[in-house]
Amino acid sequence: MDLEYKGANCVVIISKKDIFVTDPKLSDVGLKDQGSQATAVLLTQAAFDAPVADNTLKIDRPGEYEISNCSVRGVAARRHSELTDNLLNSTIYRLDIEGLSVAILGHIDPNLSEDQLETLGVIDILVIPVGNGGYTIDPKSAVDLIRKIDPKVVVPTHYAEEGINYEVPQLSLDEFVKELGATIEETPKLRLKAGVLPPILTVYKIVRTK
């Protein structure tokens, strides 16, 4: 399984047969929209949708889905910017692909319930925004969530980076790394196999590709 980072909350997850893209609308931040050739697009919020091919499956709500040899589970969550209401208006995803479990978190309230955590289950790879700015997870909350979910691999997203014009300024990745107290490995593409995950928590900065 390969994982690439495209900016904002968008990652591309590639198996031997399928391509999954999360939150593909990047034109709002000055980048190219993704997902045109995806097998399936996973939307944590409807606002992050972008045009895709007619045969691409769009998943934008909680539920269980089977795609080729992969399974997707959507878990209802509350949007970070609307903490005063009880609406579950965002979706967290668990993707089981080639023997690995990947969790995708969007702009959510980081205070996940025991039921939400239990539904996510054991996670190998956690994709989590860390830029704060008032509408996504801040570094401290991200670290708290990482400790609760206990993945082997963390892929941070949605942090300040040259070439991305976020509507609200984001913190640098260094702020998250300092809060976590961990070293970070840099790679142009994350390639992982079931059974050969890092023995301890490893954070990867995936160099953004076009």
Protein backbone atom coordinates (compact mmCIF):
# COMPACT_ATOMS: atom_id res chain seq x y z
CA MET A 1 0.00 0.00 0.00
CA ASP A 2 1.26 3.46 -0.94
CA LEU A 3 0.11 6.75 0.59
CA GLU A 4 0.74 10.19 -0.93
CA TYR A 5 -0.08 13.64 0.51
CA LYS A 6 -1.57 16.29 -1.77
CA GLY A 7 -2.27 19.11 0.72
CA ALA A 8 -5.03 20.10 3.17
CA ASN A 9 -6.83 16.87 4.19
CA CYS A 10 -6.20 15.14 0.87
CA VAL A 11 -4.27 11.89 0.76
CA VAL A 12 -4.17 9.29 -2.01
CA ILE A 13 -4.07 5.66 -0.89
CA ILE A 14 -3.07 3.19 -3.57
CA SER A 15 -3.41 -0.60 -3.52
CA LYS A 16 -2.67 -3.06 -6.31
CA LYS A 17 -6.22 -2.68 -7.64
CA ASP A 18 -7.72 0.52 -6.26
CA ILE A 19 -7.12 4.21 -5.58
CA PHE A 20 -8.80 5.96 -2.65
CA VAL A 21 -8.74 9.76 -2.32
CA THR A 22 -9.81 11.74 0.73
CA ASP A 23 -11.29 15.26 0.59
CA PRO A 24 -10.19 15.96 -3.01
CA LYS A 25 -11.21 19.62 -3.34
CA LEU A 26 -7.94 21.55 -3.16
CA SER A 27 -8.72 24.44 -5.50
CA ASP A 28 -9.95 26.45 -2.50
CA VAL A 29 -6.38 26.53 -1.17
CA GLY A 30 -4.69 27.19 -4.51
CA LEU A 31 -3.88 23.61 -5.51
CA LYS A 32 -5.17 21.18 -8.11
CA ASP A 33 -8.29 19.17 -7.26
CA GLN A 34 -7.66 15.44 -6.95
CA GLY A 35 -9.64 12.25 -7.40
CA SER A 36 -10.35 12.30 -11.13
CA GLN A 37 -9.10 8.72 -11.50
CA ALA A 38 -10.06 7.40 -8.08
CA THR A 39 -11.87 4.15 -7.45
CA ALA A 40 -13.53 5.84 -4.48
CA VAL A 41 -13.53 9.27 -2.83
CA LEU A 42 -13.99 9.59 0.93
CA LEU A 43 -15.47 12.92 2.05
CA THR A 44 -15.17 13.94 5.69
CA GLN A 45 -17.40 16.91 4.81
CA ALA A 46 -19.52 17.63 1.73
CA ALA A 47 -17.65 20.92 1.21
CA PHE A 48 -14.50 19.00 0.23
CA ASP A 49 -16.11 17.33 -2.80
CA ALA A 50 -14.67 17.76 -6.30
CA PRO A 51 -15.61 16.51 -9.80
CA VAL A 52 -14.60 12.91 -10.47
CA ALA A 53 -15.17 10.28 -13.14
CA ASP A 54 -18.67 8.86 -13.54
CA ASN A 55 -17.58 5.44 -12.30
CA THR A 56 -15.93 6.77 -9.13
CA LEU A 57 -17.78 5.90 -5.94
CA LYS A 58 -18.35 8.82 -3.56
CA ILE A 59 -18.73 8.06 0.14
CA ASP A 60 -19.86 11.00 2.25
CA ARG A 61 -21.64 9.55 5.26
CA PRO A 62 -21.42 6.93 8.00
CA GLY A 63 -21.94 3.31 7.03
CA GLU A 64 -20.12 0.21 5.85
CA TYR A 65 -18.94 -0.23 2.26
CA GLU A 66 -17.12 -2.96 0.34
CA ILE A 67 -14.93 -1.97 -2.61
CA SER A 68 -13.01 -4.74 -4.38
CA ASN A 69 -11.00 -6.39 -1.60
CA CYS A 70 -11.17 -3.30 0.64
CA SER A 71 -13.69 -2.28 3.25
CA VAL A 72 -14.62 1.23 4.40
CA ARG A 73 -16.38 2.14 7.62
CA GLY A 74 -17.70 5.67 8.11
CA VAL A 75 -18.17 6.87 11.69
CA ALA A 76 -20.31 9.90 12.53
CA ALA A 77 -18.47 12.76 14.24
CA ARG A 78 -19.04 16.38 15.19
CA ARG A 79 -17.42 19.16 13.19
CA HIS A 80 -14.71 21.08 15.03
CA SER A 81 -16.09 24.53 14.25
CA GLU A 82 -19.53 23.68 15.63
CA LEU A 83 -18.81 22.44 19.12
CA THR A 84 -21.87 24.11 20.64
CA ASP A 85 -24.37 21.89 18.86
CA ASN A 86 -25.06 18.16 18.93
CA LEU A 87 -25.03 17.62 15.17
CA LEU A 88 -22.94 14.74 13.86
CA ASN A 89 -22.07 16.52 10.63
CA SER A 90 -18.67 15.10 9.77
CA THR A 91 -17.44 11.60 9.02
CA ILE A 92 -14.35 9.72 10.19
CA TYR A 93 -13.24 6.78 8.06
CA ARG A 94 -11.58 3.46 8.68
CA LEU A 95 -10.18 1.88 5.54
CA ASP A 96 -9.03 -1.74 5.60
CA ILE A 97 -6.70 -2.29 2.67
CA GLU A 98 -4.13 -5.01 1.96
CA GLY A 99 -4.08 -6.14 5.57
CA LEU A 100 -3.64 -2.62 6.98
CA SER A 101 -6.13 -0.40 8.81
CA VAL A 102 -6.07 3.34 8.05
CA ALA A 103 -8.06 5.99 9.96
CA ILE A 104 -8.85 9.31 8.28
CA LEU A 105 -9.77 12.22 10.55
CA GLY A 106 -11.05 15.51 9.18
CA HIS A 107 -11.97 18.78 10.93
CA ILE A 108 -13.61 17.08 13.88
CA ASP A 109 -14.21 17.67 17.55
CA PRO A 110 -11.19 15.80 18.96
CA ASN A 111 -13.11 14.60 22.02
CA LEU A 112 -14.15 11.27 20.54
CA SER A 113 -16.42 9.10 22.64
CA GLU A 114 -15.60 5.56 23.72
CA ASP A 115 -18.20 4.32 21.23
CA GLN A 116 -16.52 6.21 18.37
CA LEU A 117 -13.09 4.91 19.35
CA GLU A 118 -14.42 1.38 19.68
CA THR A 119 -16.04 1.58 16.24
CA LEU A 120 -12.73 2.70 14.74
CA GLY A 121 -11.03 -0.27 16.36
CA VAL A 122 -7.33 -1.09 16.14
CA ILE A 123 -5.63 1.32 13.73
CA ASP A 124 -2.26 0.88 12.04
CA ILE A 125 -2.01 4.24 10.25
CA LEU A 126 -3.62 7.49 11.45
CA VAL A 127 -4.04 10.45 9.09
CA ILE A 128 -4.73 13.50 11.25
CA PRO A 129 -4.83 17.30 10.67
CA VAL A 130 -2.69 19.28 13.12
CA GLY A 131 -2.78 22.94 12.01
CA ASN A 132 -5.35 24.39 14.44
CA GLY A 133 -6.47 27.86 13.32
CA GLY A 134 -9.82 27.43 15.08
CA TYR A 135 -11.40 24.96 12.69
CA THR A 136 -9.24 21.86 12.78
CA ILE A 137 -7.41 19.87 15.43
CA ASP A 138 -4.64 21.65 17.36
CA PRO A 139 -1.33 19.93 18.18
CA LYS A 140 -2.17 19.14 21.80
CA SER A 141 -5.56 17.64 20.92
CA ALA A 142 -3.93 15.71 18.07
CA VAL A 143 -1.40 14.20 20.47
CA ASP A 144 -4.16 13.28 22.92
CA LEU A 145 -6.06 11.52 20.13
CA ILE A 146 -2.95 9.69 18.96
CA ARG A 147 -2.45 8.32 22.45
CA LYS A 148 -6.05 7.12 22.61
CA ILE A 149 -6.07 5.54 19.15
CA ASP A 150 -2.52 4.17 19.53
CA PRO A 151 -1.52 3.69 15.88
CA LYS A 152 1.87 2.47 14.68
CA VAL A 153 2.18 5.22 12.05
CA VAL A 154 0.99 8.86 12.07
CA VAL A 155 0.67 10.99 8.94
CA PRO A 156 0.04 14.66 9.87
CA THR A 157 -1.88 16.84 7.43
CA HIS A 158 -3.28 20.38 7.13
CA TYR A 159 -0.35 22.36 8.51
CA ALA A 160 1.32 25.56 7.29
CA GLU A 161 3.30 24.91 4.13
CA GLU A 162 4.64 27.04 1.31
CA GLY A 163 2.35 27.02 -1.72
CA ILE A 164 -0.88 26.34 0.18
CA ASN A 165 -3.16 29.33 0.83
CA TYR A 166 -5.38 28.34 3.74
CA GLU A 167 -8.25 30.67 4.57
CA VAL A 168 -7.18 30.59 8.22
CA PRO A 169 -3.44 30.57 9.02
CA GLN A 170 -2.21 27.16 10.18
CA LEU A 171 0.54 26.23 12.60
CA SER A 172 3.76 24.75 11.31
CA LEU A 173 4.38 21.03 11.50
CA ASP A 174 7.14 21.75 14.03
CA GLU A 175 4.51 22.76 16.60
CA PHE A 176 2.93 19.32 16.40
CA VAL A 177 6.26 17.49 16.46
CA LYS A 178 7.32 19.46 19.56
CA GLU A 179 4.03 18.63 21.32
CA LEU A 180 4.34 14.95 20.47
CA GLY A 181 7.97 14.83 21.51
CA ALA A 182 8.90 12.55 18.64
CA THR A 183 11.24 12.60 15.70
CA ILE A 184 9.76 12.69 12.24
CA GLU A 185 10.82 10.93 9.08
CA GLU A 186 10.45 12.61 5.70
CA THR A 187 9.53 10.68 2.57
CA PRO A 188 8.04 11.47 -0.87
CA LYS A 189 5.73 8.46 -0.58
CA LEU A 190 4.79 6.21 2.33
CA ARG A 191 4.98 2.54 1.38
CA LEU A 192 3.86 0.01 3.97
CA LYS A 193 3.10 -3.70 4.12
CA ALA A 194 1.05 -5.69 6.59
CA GLY A 195 3.25 -7.38 9.16
CA VAL A 196 6.23 -5.06 8.71
CA LEU A 197 5.05 -1.90 10.47
CA PRO A 198 7.48 0.11 12.63
CA PRO A 199 7.93 -1.41 16.11
CA ILE A 200 7.29 1.97 17.79
CA LEU A 201 5.17 4.98 16.92
CA THR A 202 6.60 6.65 13.82
CA VAL A 203 5.56 10.01 12.37
CA TYR A 204 6.03 10.57 8.65
CA LYS A 205 6.08 13.90 6.88
CA ILE A 206 5.08 13.01 3.35
CA VAL A 207 6.52 15.54 0.95
CA ARG A 208 3.58 16.94 -0.99
CA THR A 209 3.36 15.88 -4.62
CA LYS A 210 1.34 17.50 -7.40
